[in-house]
Amino acid sequence: MPVMYRKSCYFLFSLLVFVTDGFAQQKLSGKIIKKSSDEVLMGVTVINLNGRRYTTSDSAGVFAITASPGDTVIFSSAGYLPDTAFVASYMFSESYLVPLKPILLPSPHLM
């Protein structure tokens, strides 16, 4: 009986290693632009809420952050509405484009 128990333990351990390998963290990367234009946005804060990591986009609007499928990533910048992305597997295979919408403030002469 102990030999059978040992084989079961090895099998269970192997299965756990295989399953957790699918949830390994990867780099989510892409470009942040102003919505309705091709203007790149630099200095945008990118936060992975699950991984408790953050970064900012560079001068070309490019970002890269460690993430896993199922994580929640928030993109925010002064003057723009924040955007939330729920990370999916396909997002790692290509550059992820993030269009941020400017906040429209009322015209001063209307006040």
N, C-alpha and C. Protein backbone atom coordinates (compact mmCIF):
# COMPACT_ATOMS: atom_id res chain seq x y z
N MET A 1 0.80 -1.21 0.00
CA MET A 1 0.00 0.00 0.00
C MET A 1 0.84 1.27 0.00
N PRO A 2 1.96 1.33 0.70
CA PRO A 2 2.76 2.55 0.70
C PRO A 2 3.28 2.91 -0.69
N VAL A 3 3.59 1.93 -1.54
CA VAL A 3 4.07 2.21 -2.89
C VAL A 3 2.97 2.89 -3.71
N MET A 4 1.76 2.42 -3.58
CA MET A 4 0.63 3.03 -4.29
C MET A 4 0.41 4.46 -3.81
N TYR A 5 0.53 4.66 -2.51
CA TYR A 5 0.37 6.00 -1.93
C TYR A 5 1.45 6.95 -2.46
N ARG A 6 2.67 6.46 -2.55
CA ARG A 6 3.78 7.27 -3.04
C ARG A 6 3.55 7.66 -4.50
N LYS A 7 3.09 6.72 -5.31
CA LYS A 7 2.81 7.00 -6.72
C LYS A 7 1.70 8.04 -6.85
N SER A 8 0.70 7.95 -5.99
CA SER A 8 -0.40 8.92 -6.01
C SER A 8 0.11 10.32 -5.66
N CYS A 9 1.01 10.39 -4.70
CA CYS A 9 1.59 11.68 -4.30
C CYS A 9 2.40 12.28 -5.44
N TYR A 10 3.20 11.47 -6.13
CA TYR A 10 3.98 11.95 -7.26
C TYR A 10 3.07 12.46 -8.38
N PHE A 11 2.01 11.71 -8.62
CA PHE A 11 1.06 12.11 -9.67
C PHE A 11 0.40 13.44 -9.31
N LEU A 12 -0.04 13.57 -8.06
CA LEU A 12 -0.69 14.80 -7.62
C LEU A 12 0.27 15.98 -7.69
N PHE A 13 1.50 15.80 -7.26
CA PHE A 13 2.50 16.85 -7.33
C PHE A 13 2.75 17.27 -8.78
N SER A 14 2.89 16.32 -9.68
CA SER A 14 3.11 16.61 -11.11
C SER A 14 1.94 17.38 -11.69
N LEU A 15 0.75 16.99 -11.31
CA LEU A 15 -0.45 17.66 -11.79
C LEU A 15 -0.49 19.11 -11.31
N LEU A 16 -0.16 19.35 -10.05
CA LEU A 16 -0.15 20.71 -9.51
C LEU A 16 0.88 21.58 -10.21
N VAL A 17 2.05 21.04 -10.49
CA VAL A 17 3.09 21.79 -11.20
C VAL A 17 2.60 22.15 -12.60
N PHE A 18 1.97 21.21 -13.28
CA PHE A 18 1.46 21.46 -14.62
C PHE A 18 0.38 22.53 -14.62
N VAL A 19 -0.56 22.46 -13.69
CA VAL A 19 -1.68 23.40 -13.63
C VAL A 19 -1.20 24.79 -13.27
N THR A 20 -0.33 24.93 -12.28
CA THR A 20 0.12 26.26 -11.86
C THR A 20 1.02 26.89 -12.91
N ASP A 21 1.67 26.10 -13.75
CA ASP A 21 2.50 26.64 -14.81
C ASP A 21 1.65 27.44 -15.79
N GLY A 22 0.41 27.09 -15.99
CA GLY A 22 -0.48 27.82 -16.88
C GLY A 22 -0.85 29.20 -16.36
N PHE A 23 -0.66 29.42 -15.06
CA PHE A 23 -0.99 30.69 -14.46
C PHE A 23 0.24 31.54 -14.19
N ALA A 24 1.35 31.21 -14.80
CA ALA A 24 2.58 31.96 -14.60
C ALA A 24 2.41 33.38 -15.10
N GLN A 25 3.08 34.30 -14.42
CA GLN A 25 2.98 35.70 -14.82
C GLN A 25 3.79 35.93 -16.08
N GLN A 26 3.27 36.83 -16.90
CA GLN A 26 3.90 37.19 -18.17
C GLN A 26 3.93 38.71 -18.26
N LYS A 27 4.53 39.23 -19.31
CA LYS A 27 4.55 40.66 -19.53
C LYS A 27 3.40 41.05 -20.45
N LEU A 28 2.52 41.91 -19.94
CA LEU A 28 1.47 42.52 -20.75
C LEU A 28 2.08 43.82 -21.25
N SER A 29 2.12 43.99 -22.56
CA SER A 29 2.73 45.19 -23.12
C SER A 29 1.87 45.75 -24.24
N GLY A 30 2.08 47.02 -24.49
CA GLY A 30 1.31 47.66 -25.55
C GLY A 30 1.59 49.14 -25.63
N LYS A 31 0.62 49.86 -26.17
CA LYS A 31 0.78 51.29 -26.42
C LYS A 31 -0.48 52.02 -25.97
N ILE A 32 -0.30 53.20 -25.40
CA ILE A 32 -1.42 54.00 -24.93
C ILE A 32 -1.53 55.24 -25.80
N ILE A 33 -2.73 55.46 -26.35
CA ILE A 33 -2.96 56.60 -27.23
C ILE A 33 -4.17 57.40 -26.76
N LYS A 34 -4.29 58.60 -27.29
CA LYS A 34 -5.47 59.42 -27.07
C LYS A 34 -6.57 58.90 -27.99
N LYS A 35 -7.76 58.65 -27.42
CA LYS A 35 -8.86 58.13 -28.21
C LYS A 35 -9.21 59.10 -29.33
N SER A 36 -9.56 58.59 -30.48
CA SER A 36 -9.93 59.35 -31.68
C SER A 36 -8.74 60.03 -32.34
N SER A 37 -7.52 59.59 -32.00
CA SER A 37 -6.33 60.11 -32.68
C SER A 37 -5.21 59.09 -32.52
N ASP A 38 -4.10 59.35 -33.15
CA ASP A 38 -2.93 58.48 -33.01
C ASP A 38 -1.90 59.09 -32.06
N GLU A 39 -2.29 60.12 -31.33
CA GLU A 39 -1.38 60.80 -30.41
C GLU A 39 -1.04 59.86 -29.25
N VAL A 40 0.26 59.61 -29.06
CA VAL A 40 0.68 58.73 -27.98
C VAL A 40 0.64 59.49 -26.65
N LEU A 41 0.38 58.76 -25.59
CA LEU A 41 0.32 59.36 -24.26
C LEU A 41 1.45 58.82 -23.40
N MET A 42 2.33 59.71 -22.97
CA MET A 42 3.43 59.30 -22.11
C MET A 42 3.10 59.62 -20.66
N GLY A 43 3.71 58.90 -19.76
CA GLY A 43 3.51 59.14 -18.34
C GLY A 43 2.19 58.64 -17.79
N VAL A 44 1.52 57.77 -18.53
CA VAL A 44 0.26 57.18 -18.05
C VAL A 44 0.61 56.12 -16.99
N THR A 45 -0.09 56.16 -15.86
CA THR A 45 0.14 55.19 -14.80
C THR A 45 -0.60 53.89 -15.13
N VAL A 46 0.11 52.78 -15.04
CA VAL A 46 -0.44 51.45 -15.30
C VAL A 46 -0.29 50.64 -14.02
N ILE A 47 -1.42 50.20 -13.46
CA ILE A 47 -1.41 49.49 -12.18
C ILE A 47 -2.06 48.11 -12.33
N ASN A 48 -1.34 47.08 -11.90
CA ASN A 48 -1.90 45.73 -11.82
C ASN A 48 -2.38 45.56 -10.38
N LEU A 49 -3.69 45.59 -10.18
CA LEU A 49 -4.26 45.50 -8.83
C LEU A 49 -3.96 44.16 -8.16
N ASN A 50 -3.97 43.08 -8.93
CA ASN A 50 -3.76 41.76 -8.36
C ASN A 50 -2.29 41.52 -8.01
N GLY A 51 -1.41 41.95 -8.89
CA GLY A 51 0.01 41.74 -8.68
C GLY A 51 0.66 42.83 -7.87
N ARG A 52 -0.11 43.87 -7.54
CA ARG A 52 0.41 45.01 -6.78
C ARG A 52 1.67 45.57 -7.41
N ARG A 53 1.61 45.77 -8.71
CA ARG A 53 2.73 46.34 -9.46
C ARG A 53 2.24 47.55 -10.23
N TYR A 54 3.17 48.43 -10.54
CA TYR A 54 2.81 49.59 -11.36
C TYR A 54 3.99 50.01 -12.22
N THR A 55 3.67 50.76 -13.26
CA THR A 55 4.67 51.31 -14.16
C THR A 55 4.05 52.53 -14.83
N THR A 56 4.80 53.18 -15.70
CA THR A 56 4.26 54.29 -16.50
C THR A 56 4.65 54.07 -17.95
N SER A 57 3.87 54.66 -18.83
CA SER A 57 4.19 54.56 -20.26
C SER A 57 5.36 55.49 -20.57
N ASP A 58 6.18 55.10 -21.53
CA ASP A 58 7.35 55.91 -21.89
C ASP A 58 6.99 57.00 -22.88
N SER A 59 7.98 57.67 -23.43
CA SER A 59 7.75 58.81 -24.34
C SER A 59 7.08 58.40 -25.65
N ALA A 60 7.08 57.10 -25.96
CA ALA A 60 6.41 56.61 -27.17
C ALA A 60 5.04 56.01 -26.83
N GLY A 61 4.61 56.16 -25.55
CA GLY A 61 3.33 55.61 -25.13
C GLY A 61 3.37 54.12 -24.84
N VAL A 62 4.54 53.54 -24.83
CA VAL A 62 4.70 52.09 -24.65
C VAL A 62 4.79 51.75 -23.17
N PHE A 63 4.16 50.64 -22.78
CA PHE A 63 4.20 50.15 -21.40
C PHE A 63 4.42 48.65 -21.40
N ALA A 64 4.89 48.13 -20.28
CA ALA A 64 5.01 46.68 -20.05
C ALA A 64 4.86 46.46 -18.56
N ILE A 65 4.00 45.52 -18.18
CA ILE A 65 3.76 45.22 -16.78
C ILE A 65 3.55 43.72 -16.61
N THR A 66 4.03 43.18 -15.51
CA THR A 66 3.85 41.77 -15.21
C THR A 66 2.39 41.51 -14.84
N ALA A 67 1.79 40.49 -15.46
CA ALA A 67 0.37 40.18 -15.21
C ALA A 67 0.10 38.71 -15.50
N SER A 68 -1.05 38.26 -15.05
CA SER A 68 -1.54 36.91 -15.31
C SER A 68 -2.97 37.00 -15.81
N PRO A 69 -3.43 36.00 -16.56
CA PRO A 69 -4.84 36.01 -16.96
C PRO A 69 -5.74 36.12 -15.73
N GLY A 70 -6.73 37.00 -15.82
CA GLY A 70 -7.64 37.23 -14.71
C GLY A 70 -7.30 38.45 -13.88
N ASP A 71 -6.09 39.00 -14.05
CA ASP A 71 -5.71 40.20 -13.31
C ASP A 71 -6.49 41.42 -13.80
N THR A 72 -6.57 42.43 -12.95
CA THR A 72 -7.21 43.70 -13.30
C THR A 72 -6.13 44.75 -13.41
N VAL A 73 -6.06 45.41 -14.58
CA VAL A 73 -5.07 46.44 -14.84
C VAL A 73 -5.79 47.75 -15.11
N ILE A 74 -5.35 48.82 -14.45
CA ILE A 74 -5.96 50.14 -14.60
C ILE A 74 -4.96 51.09 -15.24
N PHE A 75 -5.44 51.86 -16.23
CA PHE A 75 -4.65 52.87 -16.92
C PHE A 75 -5.23 54.22 -16.54
N SER A 76 -4.39 55.14 -16.01
CA SER A 76 -4.92 56.44 -15.62
C SER A 76 -3.89 57.54 -15.85
N SER A 77 -4.44 58.72 -16.16
CA SER A 77 -3.61 59.90 -16.40
C SER A 77 -4.46 61.14 -16.17
N ALA A 78 -3.85 62.19 -15.66
CA ALA A 78 -4.56 63.45 -15.44
C ALA A 78 -5.14 63.94 -16.76
N GLY A 79 -6.40 64.35 -16.75
CA GLY A 79 -7.06 64.86 -17.95
C GLY A 79 -7.74 63.80 -18.80
N TYR A 80 -7.65 62.53 -18.36
CA TYR A 80 -8.24 61.42 -19.11
C TYR A 80 -9.06 60.54 -18.18
N LEU A 81 -10.12 59.95 -18.73
CA LEU A 81 -10.90 58.99 -17.96
C LEU A 81 -10.08 57.72 -17.79
N PRO A 82 -10.04 57.13 -16.59
CA PRO A 82 -9.29 55.89 -16.41
C PRO A 82 -9.95 54.74 -17.19
N ASP A 83 -9.15 53.77 -17.56
CA ASP A 83 -9.65 52.59 -18.27
C ASP A 83 -9.21 51.35 -17.49
N THR A 84 -10.10 50.39 -17.40
CA THR A 84 -9.82 49.15 -16.69
C THR A 84 -9.83 47.99 -17.69
N ALA A 85 -8.82 47.14 -17.59
CA ALA A 85 -8.74 45.95 -18.45
C ALA A 85 -8.66 44.71 -17.57
N PHE A 86 -9.44 43.71 -17.93
CA PHE A 86 -9.37 42.41 -17.27
C PHE A 86 -8.53 41.52 -18.18
N VAL A 87 -7.37 41.13 -17.72
CA VAL A 87 -6.38 40.45 -18.55
C VAL A 87 -6.87 39.08 -18.99
N ALA A 88 -6.77 38.85 -20.31
CA ALA A 88 -7.10 37.57 -20.93
C ALA A 88 -5.86 37.03 -21.63
N SER A 89 -5.81 35.75 -21.86
CA SER A 89 -4.64 35.10 -22.46
C SER A 89 -4.22 35.72 -23.79
N TYR A 90 -5.19 36.06 -24.64
CA TYR A 90 -4.86 36.59 -25.97
C TYR A 90 -4.08 37.91 -25.90
N MET A 91 -4.19 38.63 -24.80
CA MET A 91 -3.55 39.93 -24.67
C MET A 91 -2.03 39.84 -24.63
N PHE A 92 -1.49 38.66 -24.35
CA PHE A 92 -0.04 38.49 -24.29
C PHE A 92 0.57 38.21 -25.66
N SER A 93 -0.24 37.82 -26.63
CA SER A 93 0.30 37.42 -27.92
C SER A 93 0.50 38.59 -28.88
N GLU A 94 -0.05 39.74 -28.56
CA GLU A 94 0.11 40.91 -29.43
C GLU A 94 0.18 42.16 -28.59
N SER A 95 0.59 43.25 -29.21
CA SER A 95 0.66 44.52 -28.50
C SER A 95 -0.76 45.00 -28.18
N TYR A 96 -1.01 45.32 -26.92
CA TYR A 96 -2.33 45.71 -26.47
C TYR A 96 -2.48 47.23 -26.58
N LEU A 97 -3.44 47.68 -27.39
CA LEU A 97 -3.67 49.11 -27.61
C LEU A 97 -4.69 49.64 -26.61
N VAL A 98 -4.33 50.72 -25.92
CA VAL A 98 -5.21 51.31 -24.90
C VAL A 98 -5.54 52.75 -25.32
N PRO A 99 -6.78 53.00 -25.81
CA PRO A 99 -7.17 54.38 -26.13
C PRO A 99 -7.84 55.04 -24.92
N LEU A 100 -7.25 56.11 -24.41
CA LEU A 100 -7.84 56.83 -23.28
C LEU A 100 -8.64 58.03 -23.78
N LYS A 101 -9.81 58.21 -23.19
CA LYS A 101 -10.72 59.28 -23.58
C LYS A 101 -10.45 60.52 -22.73
N PRO A 102 -10.22 61.69 -23.39
CA PRO A 102 -10.00 62.93 -22.62
C PRO A 102 -11.26 63.32 -21.84
N ILE A 103 -11.03 63.92 -20.68
CA ILE A 103 -12.14 64.45 -19.90
C ILE A 103 -12.52 65.79 -20.50
N LEU A 104 -13.78 65.93 -20.85
CA LEU A 104 -14.24 67.18 -21.44
C LEU A 104 -14.75 68.09 -20.32
N LEU A 105 -14.04 69.17 -20.12
CA LEU A 105 -14.42 70.14 -19.09
C LEU A 105 -15.30 71.21 -19.72
N PRO A 106 -16.23 71.78 -18.94
CA PRO A 106 -17.07 72.84 -19.49
C PRO A 106 -16.23 74.06 -19.85
N SER A 107 -16.65 74.76 -20.89
CA SER A 107 -15.94 75.95 -21.33
C SER A 107 -16.05 77.04 -20.26
N PRO A 108 -14.96 77.75 -19.96
CA PRO A 108 -14.99 78.78 -18.90
C PRO A 108 -15.99 79.90 -19.19
N HIS A 109 -16.24 80.21 -20.45
CA HIS A 109 -17.16 81.30 -20.74
C HIS A 109 -18.63 80.90 -20.53
N LEU A 110 -18.90 79.62 -20.31
CA LEU A 110 -20.25 79.17 -20.03
C LEU A 110 -20.58 79.24 -18.55
N MET A 111 -19.59 79.50 -17.72
CA MET A 111 -19.83 79.52 -16.27
C MET A 111 -20.20 80.91 -15.81
